[in-house]
Amino acid sequence: LARKKPHAHIHAFEPMPDNFKALSRITKHYNLQNISLHQLALGEKEGTIEMILPVVSDVKMQGLAHIKHDSITDFNEGPTVQVAIKTLDAFTQQNINQCITGIKMDVENYEQFVLAGATNVLQKNKPIIYIELWENDNRNICFNLLQNIGYRIMILHRNALVPYEKEKHTTQNFFFIPS
């Protein structure tokens, strides 16, 4: 995205230390000057929080690292690390003075909490949102939250965005478009 949209400024959040180092190396390797990296988690509160790096058959599952929470019951075996956490509302108020036009989120079943900490940004800026959501309670909570603040649920079907129909579509990837 940074290469396709060189005039956009991208803020990337990655709390896991090893993942953050890899992301830093990638941005330097490709000389991506329009990305700001932030080593912190986003959620509904500020402070510190525990994250898990799942290990399956002695393999570290970097892409499945997630916040330790009662609502997340899968991939909970592995080392933990304490990381900083902020709300997107507080972060943008302190660090960003331009309109946020898009959000891409993949936070391993913690989406409802990130969205809860971003309601001011979502209501004020009305960004397009792209989220991977598993079929569970978290998905339903996210759908309700976003619909209540004026978003439509869409999916990509045959290269076009179409309204999501639960009975018809099986996907984990959703676009939320402001009405």
Protein backbone atom coordinates (compact mmCIF):
# COMPACT_ATOMS: atom_id res chain seq x y z
CA LEU A 1 0.00 0.00 0.00
CA ALA A 2 2.81 2.42 0.84
CA ARG A 3 4.33 1.86 -2.59
CA LYS A 4 1.00 2.12 -4.44
CA LYS A 5 -0.01 5.29 -2.54
CA PRO A 6 3.23 7.25 -2.07
CA HIS A 7 1.39 10.47 -1.07
CA ALA A 8 -0.59 8.74 1.69
CA HIS A 9 0.82 8.45 5.18
CA ILE A 10 0.41 5.04 6.81
CA HIS A 11 0.52 4.32 10.53
CA ALA A 12 1.29 0.66 11.27
CA PHE A 13 0.82 -0.81 14.74
CA GLU A 14 2.66 -3.97 15.78
CA PRO A 15 3.12 -4.76 19.48
CA MET A 16 5.08 -8.03 19.26
CA PRO A 17 8.84 -7.31 19.46
CA ASP A 18 10.00 -9.83 16.80
CA ASN A 19 7.20 -8.86 14.40
CA PHE A 20 8.01 -5.18 14.93
CA LYS A 21 11.69 -5.80 14.11
CA ALA A 22 10.69 -7.62 10.90
CA LEU A 23 8.32 -4.81 9.91
CA SER A 24 11.08 -2.26 10.57
CA ARG A 25 13.51 -4.19 8.35
CA ILE A 26 10.94 -4.38 5.55
CA THR A 27 10.19 -0.65 5.60
CA LYS A 28 13.93 0.14 5.55
CA HIS A 29 14.65 -2.41 2.81
CA TYR A 30 12.00 -0.88 0.53
CA ASN A 31 12.83 2.69 1.65
CA LEU A 32 9.19 3.35 2.57
CA GLN A 33 9.28 6.92 3.83
CA ASN A 34 5.50 7.26 4.17
CA ILE A 35 5.07 4.71 6.98
CA SER A 36 5.24 5.43 10.70
CA LEU A 37 5.71 2.30 12.80
CA HIS A 38 4.32 2.13 16.33
CA GLN A 39 5.27 -0.68 18.70
CA LEU A 40 2.03 -0.87 20.63
CA ALA A 41 -1.29 -2.69 20.73
CA LEU A 42 -4.62 -1.00 20.15
CA GLY A 43 -7.67 -1.71 22.27
CA GLU A 44 -10.37 -0.20 24.48
CA LYS A 45 -8.04 0.98 27.24
CA GLU A 46 -4.56 2.34 27.86
CA GLY A 47 -1.71 0.82 29.84
CA THR A 48 -0.01 -2.55 29.38
CA ILE A 49 -1.46 -5.87 28.35
CA GLU A 50 -0.21 -9.45 28.00
CA MET A 51 0.20 -11.01 24.57
CA ILE A 52 0.75 -14.64 23.62
CA LEU A 53 3.03 -15.95 20.88
CA PRO A 54 1.40 -19.29 20.05
CA VAL A 55 3.65 -22.30 19.58
CA VAL A 56 2.27 -25.27 17.65
CA SER A 57 4.42 -28.40 17.25
CA ASP A 58 7.49 -26.40 18.34
CA VAL A 59 6.85 -23.74 15.68
CA LYS A 60 6.33 -20.09 16.66
CA MET A 61 3.13 -18.85 15.00
CA GLN A 62 4.09 -15.17 14.61
CA GLY A 63 0.96 -14.35 12.60
CA LEU A 64 -1.32 -15.72 15.33
CA ALA A 65 0.14 -13.67 18.19
CA HIS A 66 -2.73 -12.16 20.16
CA ILE A 67 -3.78 -10.40 23.31
CA LYS A 68 -4.47 -12.72 26.23
CA HIS A 69 -8.18 -12.39 26.93
CA ASP A 70 -10.97 -14.62 28.26
CA SER A 71 -12.89 -14.28 24.98
CA ILE A 72 -9.97 -15.71 22.94
CA THR A 73 -9.73 -19.45 23.49
CA ASP A 74 -7.64 -20.67 20.52
CA PHE A 75 -3.83 -20.79 20.22
CA ASN A 76 -3.14 -19.90 23.85
CA GLU A 77 -0.03 -22.07 24.36
CA GLY A 78 3.26 -20.23 24.15
CA PRO A 79 5.42 -17.53 25.70
CA THR A 80 3.87 -14.24 26.76
CA VAL A 81 5.10 -10.66 26.67
CA GLN A 82 3.85 -7.42 28.22
CA VAL A 83 3.19 -4.66 25.65
CA ALA A 84 1.90 -1.11 25.68
CA ILE A 85 -1.74 -0.63 24.66
CA LYS A 86 -3.62 2.54 23.68
CA THR A 87 -6.95 3.43 22.19
CA LEU A 88 -6.91 4.59 18.59
CA ASP A 89 -8.93 7.63 19.71
CA ALA A 90 -6.22 8.71 22.18
CA PHE A 91 -3.38 7.88 19.78
CA THR A 92 -4.83 9.94 16.94
CA GLN A 93 -5.63 12.85 19.24
CA GLN A 94 -1.99 12.97 20.35
CA ASN A 95 -0.19 12.01 17.12
CA ILE A 96 -2.23 12.48 13.96
CA ASN A 97 -3.67 15.74 12.70
CA GLN A 98 -5.02 14.59 9.36
CA CYS A 99 -8.21 12.72 8.47
CA ILE A 100 -7.98 8.94 8.68
CA THR A 101 -9.39 7.55 5.43
CA GLY A 102 -8.82 3.81 5.83
CA ILE A 103 -8.23 1.17 8.47
CA LYS A 104 -6.98 -2.37 7.81
CA MET A 105 -7.20 -4.57 10.89
CA ASP A 106 -6.11 -8.13 11.65
CA VAL A 107 -5.89 -8.46 15.44
CA GLU A 108 -6.76 -12.12 15.95
CA ASN A 109 -10.24 -11.89 17.49
CA TYR A 110 -9.64 -8.65 19.44
CA GLU A 111 -11.41 -6.45 16.90
CA GLN A 112 -14.37 -5.52 19.09
CA PHE A 113 -12.01 -3.97 21.66
CA VAL A 114 -9.99 -2.04 19.08
CA LEU A 115 -13.21 -0.69 17.55
CA ALA A 116 -14.56 0.25 20.99
CA GLY A 117 -11.42 2.35 21.51
CA ALA A 118 -11.83 3.99 18.10
CA THR A 119 -15.46 5.15 18.09
CA ASN A 120 -14.55 8.87 18.01
CA VAL A 121 -12.22 8.35 15.03
CA LEU A 122 -14.84 6.25 13.25
CA GLN A 123 -17.66 8.73 13.83
CA LYS A 124 -15.56 11.79 12.96
CA ASN A 125 -13.49 10.51 10.00
CA LYS A 126 -15.76 7.76 8.58
CA PRO A 127 -12.82 5.72 7.22
CA ILE A 128 -13.33 2.68 5.04
CA ILE A 129 -12.51 -0.36 7.19
CA TYR A 130 -11.21 -3.77 6.12
CA ILE A 131 -11.27 -6.49 8.78
CA GLU A 132 -10.82 -10.24 8.95
CA LEU A 133 -13.50 -11.56 11.33
CA TRP A 134 -13.93 -15.17 12.35
CA GLU A 135 -17.48 -16.51 12.59
CA ASN A 136 -18.11 -16.04 16.33
CA ASP A 137 -19.48 -13.60 18.91
CA ASN A 138 -16.70 -11.11 18.19
CA ARG A 139 -17.94 -10.83 14.59
CA ASN A 140 -21.50 -10.16 15.71
CA ILE A 141 -20.36 -7.52 18.22
CA CYS A 142 -18.28 -5.79 15.52
CA PHE A 143 -21.16 -5.88 13.05
CA ASN A 144 -23.52 -4.33 15.61
CA LEU A 145 -21.06 -1.66 16.72
CA LEU A 146 -20.25 -0.56 13.19
CA GLN A 147 -23.85 -0.67 11.96
CA ASN A 148 -24.92 1.43 14.96
CA ILE A 149 -22.52 4.20 13.92
CA GLY A 150 -23.60 4.13 10.28
CA TYR A 151 -21.51 1.54 8.47
CA ARG A 152 -22.69 -0.94 5.84
CA ILE A 153 -21.23 -4.48 5.77
CA MET A 154 -19.81 -5.38 2.37
CA ILE A 155 -17.73 -8.19 0.88
CA LEU A 156 -15.68 -8.51 -2.27
CA HIS A 157 -17.56 -10.78 -4.67
CA ARG A 158 -16.46 -11.20 -8.29
CA ASN A 159 -14.28 -8.07 -8.10
CA ALA A 160 -17.10 -5.88 -6.79
CA LEU A 161 -18.17 -4.79 -3.32
CA VAL A 162 -21.62 -6.17 -2.56
CA PRO A 163 -23.76 -6.14 0.59
CA TYR A 164 -22.99 -9.09 2.87
CA GLU A 165 -25.76 -11.69 3.16
CA LYS A 166 -25.16 -14.19 5.95
CA GLU A 167 -27.25 -16.93 4.28
CA LYS A 168 -25.48 -16.50 0.96
CA HIS A 169 -21.83 -15.59 1.65
CA THR A 170 -19.11 -17.51 3.46
CA THR A 171 -16.15 -15.28 4.13
CA GLN A 172 -13.98 -13.91 6.91
CA ASN A 173 -13.02 -10.71 5.07
CA PHE A 174 -15.28 -7.71 5.36
CA PHE A 175 -15.34 -4.11 4.17
CA PHE A 176 -17.24 -1.59 6.25
CA ILE A 177 -18.35 1.40 4.23
CA PRO A 178 -19.85 4.52 5.84
CA SER A 179 -23.45 5.14 4.80
